[in-house]
């Protein structure tokens, strides 16, 4: 299945509010990641896995990019990205003083056809659905960016689901049984959503 990466790229019109109070971060909030000098990728924070680490989608930003909340407050930076290893996952190291609400995470989850799943995306909010193809398969996701080559494609290992997602929901945590089991990678207008299992995140990065 070819899907569309669900990040939003917006044109930067002003500087962030660096003087704002240090935020409490949690899964499901909007995060803004520098894309170019003039553009920012809008994604979703998928899971806070430790008091100092969080996870989002790998296609949302490269290693070294700063991560901001929707108020322009810097909350951390991307310190690991597994997209080149065909896992659409990126680790955010939270900035000093930023407090994360740690999520229950299942790194060993297996998936079954029809298994209920849900997500809380920064754009479309909370939606529920189910797994349609539980196999870990390599799939191609395509998206538009405001920099050369403008059209991007990346191959990632994902699980398929029937779950509504739209642009800006990239990186949202996929929940099953009360735990986050994956990170939203891409979706289509037919409510087909692919997610990267968190079992693909190496133990050294957890």
N, C-alpha and C. Protein backbone atom coordinates (compact mmCIF):
# COMPACT_ATOMS: atom_id res chain seq x y z
N UNK A 1 0.85 -1.19 0.00
CA UNK A 1 0.00 0.00 0.00
C UNK A 1 0.88 1.23 0.00
N UNK A 2 0.59 2.17 -0.87
CA UNK A 2 1.29 3.44 -0.88
C UNK A 2 0.46 4.44 -0.10
N UNK A 3 1.08 5.06 0.88
CA UNK A 3 0.35 5.99 1.72
C UNK A 3 1.03 7.35 1.70
N UNK A 4 0.37 8.33 2.29
CA UNK A 4 0.89 9.69 2.31
C UNK A 4 1.34 10.04 3.71
N UNK A 5 2.59 10.49 3.82
CA UNK A 5 3.10 10.91 5.12
C UNK A 5 2.22 12.02 5.67
N UNK A 6 1.94 11.94 6.97
CA UNK A 6 0.92 12.81 7.54
C UNK A 6 1.48 13.96 8.36
N UNK A 7 2.62 14.50 7.94
CA UNK A 7 3.14 15.71 8.58
C UNK A 7 2.63 16.93 7.81
N UNK A 8 2.55 18.05 8.47
CA UNK A 8 2.19 19.30 7.83
C UNK A 8 3.44 20.17 7.79
N UNK A 9 3.67 20.84 6.66
CA UNK A 9 4.76 21.79 6.58
C UNK A 9 4.16 23.18 6.47
N UNK A 10 4.56 24.07 7.37
CA UNK A 10 4.01 25.42 7.37
C UNK A 10 5.13 26.42 7.20
N UNK A 11 4.79 27.59 6.67
CA UNK A 11 5.76 28.66 6.50
C UNK A 11 5.90 29.42 7.80
N UNK A 12 7.14 29.62 8.24
CA UNK A 12 7.40 30.31 9.49
C UNK A 12 7.19 31.81 9.29
N UNK A 13 6.40 32.42 10.18
CA UNK A 13 6.10 33.84 10.05
C UNK A 13 6.63 34.66 11.22
N UNK A 14 7.16 34.00 12.23
CA UNK A 14 7.68 34.74 13.38
C UNK A 14 8.47 33.83 14.27
N UNK A 15 9.18 34.40 15.25
CA UNK A 15 10.00 33.60 16.14
C UNK A 15 9.16 33.01 17.26
N UNK A 16 9.66 31.94 17.88
CA UNK A 16 8.95 31.30 18.98
C UNK A 16 8.97 32.16 20.23
N UNK A 17 8.11 31.84 21.15
CA UNK A 17 8.01 32.57 22.41
C UNK A 17 8.90 31.88 23.44
N UNK A 18 10.19 32.14 23.36
CA UNK A 18 11.16 31.46 24.22
C UNK A 18 10.99 31.82 25.69
N UNK A 19 10.29 32.92 25.97
CA UNK A 19 10.16 33.37 27.35
C UNK A 19 8.97 32.73 28.07
N UNK A 20 8.18 31.92 27.34
CA UNK A 20 7.01 31.31 27.96
C UNK A 20 7.42 30.32 29.03
N UNK A 21 6.50 29.98 29.91
CA UNK A 21 6.79 29.05 31.00
C UNK A 21 7.13 27.67 30.43
N UNK A 22 8.04 26.97 31.11
CA UNK A 22 8.41 25.62 30.70
C UNK A 22 7.19 24.72 30.76
N UNK A 23 6.90 24.02 29.65
CA UNK A 23 5.64 23.27 29.60
C UNK A 23 5.73 21.88 30.21
N UNK A 24 4.58 21.33 30.50
CA UNK A 24 4.42 19.91 30.77
C UNK A 24 4.10 19.27 29.42
N UNK A 25 4.88 18.30 29.00
CA UNK A 25 4.61 17.68 27.70
C UNK A 25 3.98 16.30 27.90
N UNK A 26 3.15 15.91 26.94
CA UNK A 26 2.45 14.64 27.02
C UNK A 26 2.18 14.15 25.60
N UNK A 27 1.84 12.89 25.48
CA UNK A 27 1.51 12.35 24.17
C UNK A 27 0.27 13.03 23.63
N UNK A 28 0.25 13.24 22.32
CA UNK A 28 -0.90 13.84 21.66
C UNK A 28 -0.79 15.33 21.42
N UNK A 29 0.23 16.00 21.98
CA UNK A 29 0.34 17.44 21.76
C UNK A 29 0.98 17.72 20.40
N UNK A 30 0.68 18.89 19.87
CA UNK A 30 1.33 19.34 18.63
C UNK A 30 2.79 19.66 18.91
N UNK A 31 3.66 19.23 18.01
CA UNK A 31 5.07 19.64 18.08
C UNK A 31 5.46 20.22 16.73
N UNK A 32 6.30 21.24 16.77
CA UNK A 32 6.79 21.92 15.58
C UNK A 32 8.29 21.72 15.50
N UNK A 33 8.75 21.27 14.34
CA UNK A 33 10.16 20.93 14.15
C UNK A 33 10.70 21.70 12.96
N UNK A 34 11.82 22.39 13.15
CA UNK A 34 12.43 23.16 12.07
C UNK A 34 12.68 22.26 10.87
N UNK A 35 12.19 22.71 9.70
CA UNK A 35 12.39 21.96 8.45
C UNK A 35 13.44 22.66 7.60
N UNK A 36 13.20 23.92 7.28
CA UNK A 36 14.17 24.77 6.61
C UNK A 36 14.19 26.10 7.38
N UNK A 37 14.95 27.06 6.87
CA UNK A 37 15.00 28.37 7.50
C UNK A 37 13.61 29.01 7.53
N UNK A 38 12.79 28.68 6.53
CA UNK A 38 11.50 29.34 6.38
C UNK A 38 10.30 28.44 6.68
N UNK A 39 10.52 27.16 6.91
CA UNK A 39 9.39 26.25 7.09
C UNK A 39 9.56 25.39 8.33
N UNK A 40 8.43 24.93 8.83
CA UNK A 40 8.38 24.08 10.02
C UNK A 40 7.47 22.89 9.76
N UNK A 41 7.88 21.71 10.20
CA UNK A 41 7.03 20.53 10.11
C UNK A 41 6.18 20.45 11.37
N UNK A 42 4.87 20.27 11.19
CA UNK A 42 3.95 20.13 12.31
C UNK A 42 3.59 18.66 12.45
N UNK A 43 3.88 18.09 13.62
CA UNK A 43 3.62 16.68 13.87
C UNK A 43 2.98 16.53 15.25
N UNK A 44 2.92 15.30 15.72
CA UNK A 44 2.35 14.98 17.02
C UNK A 44 3.38 14.26 17.86
N UNK A 45 3.46 14.60 19.14
CA UNK A 45 4.32 13.85 20.06
C UNK A 45 3.62 12.54 20.39
N UNK A 46 4.27 11.42 20.09
CA UNK A 46 3.61 10.13 20.17
C UNK A 46 3.61 9.48 21.53
N UNK A 47 4.75 9.54 22.23
CA UNK A 47 4.85 8.89 23.54
C UNK A 47 6.00 9.50 24.31
N UNK A 48 5.78 9.71 25.59
CA UNK A 48 6.88 10.07 26.50
C UNK A 48 7.31 8.75 27.13
N UNK A 49 8.52 8.29 26.79
CA UNK A 49 8.93 6.94 27.19
C UNK A 49 9.75 6.92 28.47
N UNK A 50 10.37 8.03 28.83
CA UNK A 50 11.06 8.20 30.11
C UNK A 50 10.87 9.66 30.51
N UNK A 51 11.26 10.05 31.71
CA UNK A 51 11.13 11.47 32.07
C UNK A 51 11.94 12.41 31.18
N UNK A 52 12.89 11.88 30.41
CA UNK A 52 13.74 12.74 29.58
C UNK A 52 13.69 12.41 28.09
N UNK A 53 12.83 11.45 27.68
CA UNK A 53 12.77 11.04 26.27
C UNK A 53 11.34 10.90 25.79
N UNK A 54 11.15 11.27 24.52
CA UNK A 54 9.85 11.09 23.87
C UNK A 54 10.10 10.56 22.47
N UNK A 55 9.03 10.11 21.82
CA UNK A 55 9.14 9.53 20.47
C UNK A 55 8.10 10.16 19.56
N UNK A 56 8.50 10.39 18.30
CA UNK A 56 7.60 10.83 17.25
C UNK A 56 7.97 10.08 15.98
N UNK A 57 7.40 10.47 14.85
CA UNK A 57 7.72 9.82 13.58
C UNK A 57 9.07 10.29 13.06
N UNK A 58 9.81 9.38 12.45
CA UNK A 58 11.13 9.73 11.93
C UNK A 58 11.08 10.75 10.81
N UNK A 59 10.03 10.73 9.98
CA UNK A 59 9.99 11.66 8.85
C UNK A 59 9.67 13.09 9.30
N UNK A 60 9.38 13.28 10.59
CA UNK A 60 9.07 14.62 11.08
C UNK A 60 10.31 15.51 11.22
N UNK A 61 11.49 14.92 11.38
CA UNK A 61 12.67 15.76 11.53
C UNK A 61 13.95 14.97 11.65
N UNK A 62 15.05 15.60 11.29
CA UNK A 62 16.36 14.97 11.32
C UNK A 62 17.03 15.15 12.67
N UNK A 63 18.06 14.35 12.91
CA UNK A 63 18.85 14.47 14.13
C UNK A 63 19.43 15.88 14.23
N UNK A 64 19.34 16.46 15.41
CA UNK A 64 19.86 17.81 15.64
C UNK A 64 18.81 18.90 15.55
N UNK A 65 17.64 18.59 14.99
CA UNK A 65 16.60 19.61 14.85
C UNK A 65 15.94 19.89 16.20
N UNK A 66 15.67 21.16 16.45
CA UNK A 66 14.98 21.55 17.68
C UNK A 66 13.49 21.27 17.56
N UNK A 67 12.88 20.95 18.69
CA UNK A 67 11.46 20.63 18.75
C UNK A 67 10.78 21.66 19.67
N UNK A 68 9.65 22.22 19.22
CA UNK A 68 8.93 23.24 19.97
C UNK A 68 7.49 22.78 20.21
N UNK A 69 6.87 23.32 21.25
CA UNK A 69 5.44 23.08 21.40
C UNK A 69 4.69 24.11 20.56
N UNK A 70 3.37 24.06 20.58
CA UNK A 70 2.58 24.93 19.70
C UNK A 70 2.69 26.40 20.08
N UNK A 71 3.21 26.69 21.28
CA UNK A 71 3.41 28.08 21.71
C UNK A 71 4.80 28.60 21.36
N UNK A 72 5.60 27.78 20.68
CA UNK A 72 6.94 28.20 20.29
C UNK A 72 7.99 28.00 21.36
N UNK A 73 7.66 27.28 22.43
CA UNK A 73 8.62 27.00 23.50
C UNK A 73 9.42 25.76 23.12
N UNK A 74 10.74 25.86 23.16
CA UNK A 74 11.58 24.73 22.82
C UNK A 74 11.47 23.68 23.92
N UNK A 75 11.11 22.45 23.53
CA UNK A 75 10.95 21.37 24.52
C UNK A 75 12.03 20.30 24.40
N UNK A 76 12.86 20.39 23.36
CA UNK A 76 13.93 19.40 23.22
C UNK A 76 14.49 19.39 21.82
N UNK A 77 15.18 18.30 21.49
CA UNK A 77 15.76 18.15 20.15
C UNK A 77 15.77 16.67 19.77
N UNK A 78 15.80 16.42 18.47
CA UNK A 78 15.85 15.05 17.98
C UNK A 78 17.27 14.53 18.09
N UNK A 79 17.43 13.43 18.80
CA UNK A 79 18.77 12.87 19.04
C UNK A 79 18.98 11.51 18.39
N UNK A 80 17.92 10.92 17.84
CA UNK A 80 18.05 9.66 17.10
C UNK A 80 16.92 9.58 16.09
N UNK A 81 17.25 9.09 14.90
CA UNK A 81 16.26 8.93 13.84
C UNK A 81 16.54 7.62 13.12
N UNK A 82 15.51 6.76 13.06
CA UNK A 82 15.69 5.42 12.49
C UNK A 82 15.12 5.28 11.09
N UNK A 83 14.81 6.40 10.44
CA UNK A 83 14.20 6.33 9.12
C UNK A 83 15.13 5.64 8.11
N UNK A 84 16.43 5.88 8.23
CA UNK A 84 17.38 5.23 7.31
C UNK A 84 17.46 3.73 7.53
N UNK A 85 16.95 3.27 8.68
CA UNK A 85 16.90 1.83 8.97
C UNK A 85 15.50 1.27 8.73
N UNK A 86 14.71 2.02 7.99
CA UNK A 86 13.36 1.62 7.60
C UNK A 86 12.41 1.48 8.79
N UNK A 87 12.65 2.30 9.81
CA UNK A 87 11.73 2.40 10.94
C UNK A 87 11.40 3.88 11.11
N UNK A 88 10.13 4.24 10.94
CA UNK A 88 9.72 5.64 10.97
C UNK A 88 9.56 6.12 12.42
N UNK A 89 10.70 6.17 13.12
CA UNK A 89 10.73 6.54 14.53
C UNK A 89 11.85 7.53 14.78
N UNK A 90 11.59 8.50 15.64
CA UNK A 90 12.62 9.46 16.06
C UNK A 90 12.50 9.68 17.56
N UNK A 91 13.65 9.78 18.22
CA UNK A 91 13.69 10.01 19.66
C UNK A 91 13.96 11.49 19.92
N UNK A 92 13.16 12.07 20.80
CA UNK A 92 13.34 13.46 21.22
C UNK A 92 13.91 13.45 22.64
N UNK A 93 15.07 14.08 22.82
CA UNK A 93 15.59 14.29 24.17
C UNK A 93 15.00 15.58 24.70
N UNK A 94 14.27 15.50 25.79
CA UNK A 94 13.60 16.67 26.33
C UNK A 94 14.60 17.65 26.95
N UNK A 95 14.32 18.92 26.80
CA UNK A 95 15.20 19.95 27.33
C UNK A 95 15.19 19.95 28.85
N UNK A 96 16.26 20.45 29.43
CA UNK A 96 16.35 20.53 30.88
C UNK A 96 15.19 21.34 31.44
N UNK A 97 14.55 20.81 32.46
CA UNK A 97 13.44 21.50 33.10
C UNK A 97 12.09 21.18 32.49
N UNK A 98 12.06 20.51 31.33
CA UNK A 98 10.79 20.12 30.73
C UNK A 98 10.30 18.84 31.40
N UNK A 99 9.07 18.85 31.81
CA UNK A 99 8.51 17.70 32.51
C UNK A 99 7.60 16.91 31.58
N UNK A 100 7.89 15.63 31.42
CA UNK A 100 7.08 14.78 30.55
C UNK A 100 6.18 13.85 31.34
N UNK A 101 4.95 13.70 30.90
CA UNK A 101 4.02 12.75 31.52
C UNK A 101 4.27 11.39 30.87
N UNK A 102 4.97 10.50 31.59
CA UNK A 102 5.42 9.23 31.02
C UNK A 102 4.23 8.31 30.73
N UNK A 103 4.25 7.72 29.53
CA UNK A 103 3.18 6.83 29.08
C UNK A 103 3.49 5.37 29.39
N UNK A 104 2.44 4.57 29.46
CA UNK A 104 2.61 3.11 29.50
C UNK A 104 2.88 2.65 28.07
N UNK A 105 4.01 1.99 27.87
CA UNK A 105 4.45 1.58 26.54
C UNK A 105 4.65 0.07 26.51
N UNK A 106 4.27 -0.54 25.40
CA UNK A 106 4.48 -1.98 25.20
C UNK A 106 5.41 -2.16 24.01
N UNK A 107 6.66 -2.54 24.29
CA UNK A 107 7.65 -2.73 23.23
C UNK A 107 7.58 -4.12 22.61
N UNK A 108 6.78 -5.00 23.14
CA UNK A 108 6.75 -6.39 22.68
C UNK A 108 5.40 -6.79 22.14
N UNK A 109 4.56 -5.82 21.83
CA UNK A 109 3.20 -6.14 21.41
C UNK A 109 3.18 -6.89 20.08
N UNK A 110 2.35 -7.91 20.02
CA UNK A 110 2.02 -8.60 18.78
C UNK A 110 0.66 -8.10 18.31
N UNK A 111 0.39 -8.20 17.04
CA UNK A 111 -0.85 -7.65 16.51
C UNK A 111 -1.68 -8.72 15.83
N UNK A 112 -2.99 -8.56 15.90
CA UNK A 112 -3.94 -9.49 15.29
C UNK A 112 -4.91 -8.71 14.41
N UNK A 113 -5.37 -9.34 13.34
CA UNK A 113 -6.36 -8.71 12.49
C UNK A 113 -7.63 -8.43 13.31
N UNK A 114 -8.13 -7.21 13.22
CA UNK A 114 -9.31 -6.81 13.97
C UNK A 114 -9.03 -6.26 15.35
N UNK A 115 -7.76 -6.25 15.77
CA UNK A 115 -7.40 -5.76 17.09
C UNK A 115 -7.74 -4.28 17.23
N UNK A 116 -8.46 -3.87 18.27
CA UNK A 116 -8.80 -2.45 18.43
C UNK A 116 -7.56 -1.60 18.70
N UNK A 117 -7.52 -0.44 18.06
CA UNK A 117 -6.44 0.53 18.28
C UNK A 117 -7.05 1.93 18.30
N UNK A 118 -6.31 2.87 18.85
CA UNK A 118 -6.76 4.26 18.88
C UNK A 118 -5.55 5.17 18.79
N UNK A 119 -5.81 6.43 18.53
CA UNK A 119 -4.74 7.42 18.50
C UNK A 119 -5.30 8.77 18.92
N UNK A 120 -4.40 9.64 19.39
CA UNK A 120 -4.76 11.02 19.72
C UNK A 120 -3.83 11.93 18.94
N UNK A 121 -4.29 12.42 17.79
CA UNK A 121 -3.46 13.23 16.92
C UNK A 121 -3.64 14.71 17.17
N UNK A 122 -2.60 15.48 16.91
CA UNK A 122 -2.67 16.92 17.15
C UNK A 122 -3.69 17.60 16.25
N UNK A 123 -3.97 17.03 15.07
CA UNK A 123 -4.90 17.66 14.15
C UNK A 123 -6.31 17.09 14.27
N UNK A 124 -6.45 15.76 14.18
CA UNK A 124 -7.79 15.17 14.14
C UNK A 124 -8.27 14.67 15.49
N UNK A 125 -7.43 14.76 16.53
CA UNK A 125 -7.87 14.37 17.86
C UNK A 125 -7.93 12.86 18.05
N UNK A 126 -8.85 12.44 18.91
CA UNK A 126 -8.95 11.03 19.29
C UNK A 126 -9.84 10.28 18.31
N UNK A 127 -9.31 9.18 17.76
CA UNK A 127 -10.09 8.32 16.88
C UNK A 127 -9.79 6.87 17.22
N UNK A 128 -10.74 6.01 16.90
CA UNK A 128 -10.57 4.58 17.15
C UNK A 128 -10.69 3.81 15.85
N UNK A 129 -10.11 2.61 15.84
CA UNK A 129 -10.16 1.76 14.66
C UNK A 129 -9.68 0.37 14.99
N UNK A 130 -9.13 -0.31 13.99
CA UNK A 130 -8.69 -1.68 14.20
C UNK A 130 -7.58 -2.04 13.21
N UNK A 131 -6.79 -3.04 13.56
CA UNK A 131 -5.71 -3.51 12.70
C UNK A 131 -6.30 -4.27 11.52
N UNK A 132 -5.84 -3.94 10.31
CA UNK A 132 -6.31 -4.64 9.11
C UNK A 132 -5.28 -5.63 8.58
N UNK A 133 -4.00 -5.35 8.78
CA UNK A 133 -2.94 -6.28 8.38
C UNK A 133 -1.88 -6.25 9.47
N UNK A 134 -1.81 -7.31 10.30
CA UNK A 134 -0.90 -7.30 11.45
C UNK A 134 0.55 -7.60 11.11
N UNK A 135 0.83 -7.97 9.87
CA UNK A 135 2.20 -8.32 9.49
C UNK A 135 3.08 -7.08 9.42
N UNK A 136 4.33 -7.23 9.86
CA UNK A 136 5.31 -6.17 9.72
C UNK A 136 5.78 -6.19 8.26
N UNK A 137 5.37 -5.18 7.48
CA UNK A 137 5.72 -5.15 6.06
C UNK A 137 6.40 -3.83 5.71
N UNK A 138 7.27 -3.89 4.68
CA UNK A 138 7.88 -2.67 4.16
C UNK A 138 6.87 -2.00 3.24
N UNK A 139 6.57 -0.74 3.53
CA UNK A 139 5.62 0.01 2.73
C UNK A 139 6.23 1.36 2.35
N UNK A 140 5.80 1.93 1.26
CA UNK A 140 6.32 3.21 0.78
C UNK A 140 5.34 4.32 1.16
N UNK A 141 5.84 5.34 1.82
CA UNK A 141 5.04 6.53 2.15
C UNK A 141 5.60 7.71 1.36
N UNK A 142 4.71 8.51 0.81
CA UNK A 142 5.12 9.68 0.02
C UNK A 142 4.52 10.94 0.64
N UNK A 143 5.26 12.04 0.51
CA UNK A 143 4.77 13.29 1.06
C UNK A 143 5.36 14.48 0.32
N UNK A 144 4.79 15.66 0.56
CA UNK A 144 5.23 16.91 -0.08
C UNK A 144 5.96 17.77 0.94
N UNK A 145 7.12 18.31 0.56
CA UNK A 145 7.87 19.21 1.42
C UNK A 145 8.23 20.47 0.65
N UNK A 146 8.46 21.56 1.37
CA UNK A 146 8.77 22.83 0.72
C UNK A 146 10.28 23.04 0.56
N UNK A 147 10.96 22.00 0.10
CA UNK A 147 12.39 22.07 -0.20
C UNK A 147 12.69 20.96 -1.20
N UNK A 148 13.76 21.13 -1.97
CA UNK A 148 14.10 20.06 -2.92
C UNK A 148 14.30 18.75 -2.17
N UNK A 149 13.82 17.62 -2.69
CA UNK A 149 13.19 17.42 -4.00
C UNK A 149 11.68 17.66 -4.02
N UNK A 150 11.10 18.24 -2.97
CA UNK A 150 9.69 18.61 -2.86
C UNK A 150 8.76 17.41 -2.69
N UNK A 151 8.99 16.35 -3.44
CA UNK A 151 8.26 15.11 -3.23
C UNK A 151 9.20 14.10 -2.60
N UNK A 152 8.85 13.60 -1.42
CA UNK A 152 9.69 12.65 -0.72
C UNK A 152 9.01 11.29 -0.64
N UNK A 153 9.83 10.26 -0.63
CA UNK A 153 9.31 8.90 -0.44
C UNK A 153 10.26 8.16 0.49
N UNK A 154 9.71 7.43 1.43
CA UNK A 154 10.55 6.62 2.30
C UNK A 154 9.89 5.27 2.53
N UNK A 155 10.73 4.25 2.60
CA UNK A 155 10.25 2.89 2.83
C UNK A 155 10.42 2.57 4.30
N UNK A 156 9.34 2.15 4.93
CA UNK A 156 9.39 1.86 6.36
C UNK A 156 8.62 0.58 6.66
N UNK A 157 8.98 -0.05 7.77
CA UNK A 157 8.28 -1.24 8.23
C UNK A 157 7.10 -0.78 9.09
N UNK A 158 5.90 -1.15 8.69
CA UNK A 158 4.71 -0.71 9.40
C UNK A 158 3.67 -1.81 9.48
N UNK A 159 2.65 -1.55 10.29
CA UNK A 159 1.45 -2.38 10.41
C UNK A 159 0.28 -1.55 9.89
N UNK A 160 -0.65 -2.17 9.19
CA UNK A 160 -1.79 -1.44 8.62
C UNK A 160 -2.99 -1.45 9.56
N UNK A 161 -3.73 -0.34 9.54
CA UNK A 161 -4.96 -0.26 10.34
C UNK A 161 -6.00 0.54 9.60
N UNK A 162 -7.26 0.39 10.01
CA UNK A 162 -8.34 1.26 9.56
C UNK A 162 -8.58 2.24 10.69
N UNK A 163 -8.04 3.45 10.53
CA UNK A 163 -8.02 4.44 11.59
C UNK A 163 -7.90 5.81 10.95
N UNK A 164 -8.78 6.73 11.29
CA UNK A 164 -8.74 8.05 10.66
C UNK A 164 -7.52 8.84 11.14
N UNK A 165 -6.79 9.40 10.16
CA UNK A 165 -5.68 10.30 10.47
C UNK A 165 -5.54 11.29 9.34
N UNK A 166 -5.05 12.49 9.65
CA UNK A 166 -4.88 13.54 8.66
C UNK A 166 -3.53 14.19 8.86
N UNK A 167 -3.20 15.13 7.96
CA UNK A 167 -1.92 15.82 8.05
C UNK A 167 -1.75 16.48 9.42
N UNK A 168 -0.58 16.30 10.00
CA UNK A 168 -0.30 16.82 11.33
C UNK A 168 -0.40 15.77 12.41
N UNK A 169 -1.02 14.62 12.09
CA UNK A 169 -1.12 13.52 13.05
C UNK A 169 0.12 12.63 13.06
N UNK A 170 1.03 12.83 12.11
CA UNK A 170 2.26 12.03 12.09
C UNK A 170 2.92 12.03 13.46
N UNK A 171 3.34 10.86 13.89
CA UNK A 171 4.02 10.75 15.17
C UNK A 171 3.10 10.40 16.32
N UNK A 172 1.79 10.44 16.11
CA UNK A 172 0.85 10.14 17.20
C UNK A 172 1.05 8.72 17.71
N UNK A 173 0.84 8.53 19.00
CA UNK A 173 0.95 7.21 19.59
C UNK A 173 -0.25 6.35 19.25
N UNK A 174 0.00 5.12 18.83
CA UNK A 174 -1.08 4.15 18.58
C UNK A 174 -1.23 3.32 19.85
N UNK A 175 -2.44 3.31 20.40
CA UNK A 175 -2.69 2.60 21.66
C UNK A 175 -3.51 1.33 21.42
N UNK A 176 -3.21 0.34 22.24
CA UNK A 176 -4.00 -0.88 22.27
C UNK A 176 -3.93 -1.44 23.69
N UNK A 177 -5.08 -1.75 24.25
CA UNK A 177 -5.09 -2.27 25.61
C UNK A 177 -4.54 -1.30 26.63
N UNK A 178 -4.67 -0.01 26.38
CA UNK A 178 -4.22 1.00 27.33
C UNK A 178 -2.76 1.37 27.23
N UNK A 179 -2.01 0.72 26.35
CA UNK A 179 -0.58 1.01 26.19
C UNK A 179 -0.28 1.49 24.78
N UNK A 180 0.76 2.29 24.65
CA UNK A 180 1.19 2.74 23.32
C UNK A 180 2.06 1.65 22.71
N UNK A 181 1.66 1.21 21.51
CA UNK A 181 2.34 0.08 20.86
C UNK A 181 3.00 0.48 19.55
N UNK A 182 2.71 1.69 19.05
CA UNK A 182 3.28 2.11 17.78
C UNK A 182 3.19 3.61 17.60
N UNK A 183 3.79 4.07 16.49
CA UNK A 183 3.82 5.50 16.16
C UNK A 183 3.27 5.68 14.75
N UNK A 184 2.30 6.58 14.62
CA UNK A 184 1.63 6.80 13.34
C UNK A 184 2.63 7.30 12.29
N UNK A 185 2.65 6.60 11.17
CA UNK A 185 3.60 6.91 10.10
C UNK A 185 2.95 7.64 8.93
N UNK A 186 1.79 7.13 8.47
CA UNK A 186 1.16 7.73 7.29
C UNK A 186 -0.28 7.27 7.19
N UNK A 187 -1.03 7.96 6.32
CA UNK A 187 -2.43 7.61 6.16
C UNK A 187 -2.94 8.01 4.80
N UNK A 188 -4.17 7.62 4.49
CA UNK A 188 -4.81 7.98 3.23
C UNK A 188 -6.19 8.55 3.53
N UNK A 189 -6.81 9.10 2.48
CA UNK A 189 -8.16 9.65 2.67
C UNK A 189 -9.22 8.57 2.79
N UNK A 190 -8.80 7.30 2.73
CA UNK A 190 -9.73 6.19 2.95
C UNK A 190 -9.64 5.66 4.38
N UNK A 191 -9.01 6.42 5.25
CA UNK A 191 -8.82 6.04 6.66
C UNK A 191 -7.93 4.82 6.83
N UNK A 192 -7.06 4.57 5.84
CA UNK A 192 -6.04 3.54 6.00
C UNK A 192 -4.81 4.19 6.61
N UNK A 193 -4.43 3.75 7.80
CA UNK A 193 -3.30 4.35 8.51
C UNK A 193 -2.27 3.28 8.81
N UNK A 194 -1.01 3.61 8.51
CA UNK A 194 0.10 2.70 8.81
C UNK A 194 0.86 3.24 10.01
N UNK A 195 1.29 2.33 10.88
CA UNK A 195 2.08 2.76 12.04
C UNK A 195 3.29 1.87 12.23
N UNK A 196 4.34 2.49 12.79
CA UNK A 196 5.59 1.78 13.06
C UNK A 196 5.51 1.16 14.45
N UNK A 197 5.65 -0.15 14.58
CA UNK A 197 5.62 -0.77 15.92
C UNK A 197 6.77 -0.26 16.79
N UNK A 198 6.50 0.00 18.05
CA UNK A 198 7.56 0.47 18.94
C UNK A 198 8.58 -0.62 19.26
N UNK A 199 8.28 -1.86 18.91
CA UNK A 199 9.28 -2.93 19.07
C UNK A 199 10.49 -2.69 18.18
N UNK A 200 10.35 -1.82 17.15
CA UNK A 200 11.48 -1.50 16.26
C UNK A 200 12.47 -0.54 16.91
N UNK A 201 12.09 0.05 18.05
CA UNK A 201 13.00 0.98 18.73
C UNK A 201 14.01 0.18 19.53
N UNK A 202 15.31 0.30 19.23
CA UNK A 202 16.33 -0.50 19.92
C UNK A 202 16.33 -0.23 21.43
N UNK A 203 16.63 -1.26 22.24
CA UNK A 203 16.65 -1.08 23.69
C UNK A 203 17.54 0.06 24.15
N UNK A 204 18.64 0.33 23.47
CA UNK A 204 19.54 1.39 23.88
C UNK A 204 18.93 2.78 23.78
N UNK A 205 17.84 2.90 23.00
CA UNK A 205 17.19 4.19 22.83
C UNK A 205 15.94 4.36 23.67
N UNK A 206 15.58 3.33 24.42
CA UNK A 206 14.34 3.37 25.20
C UNK A 206 14.55 4.05 26.55
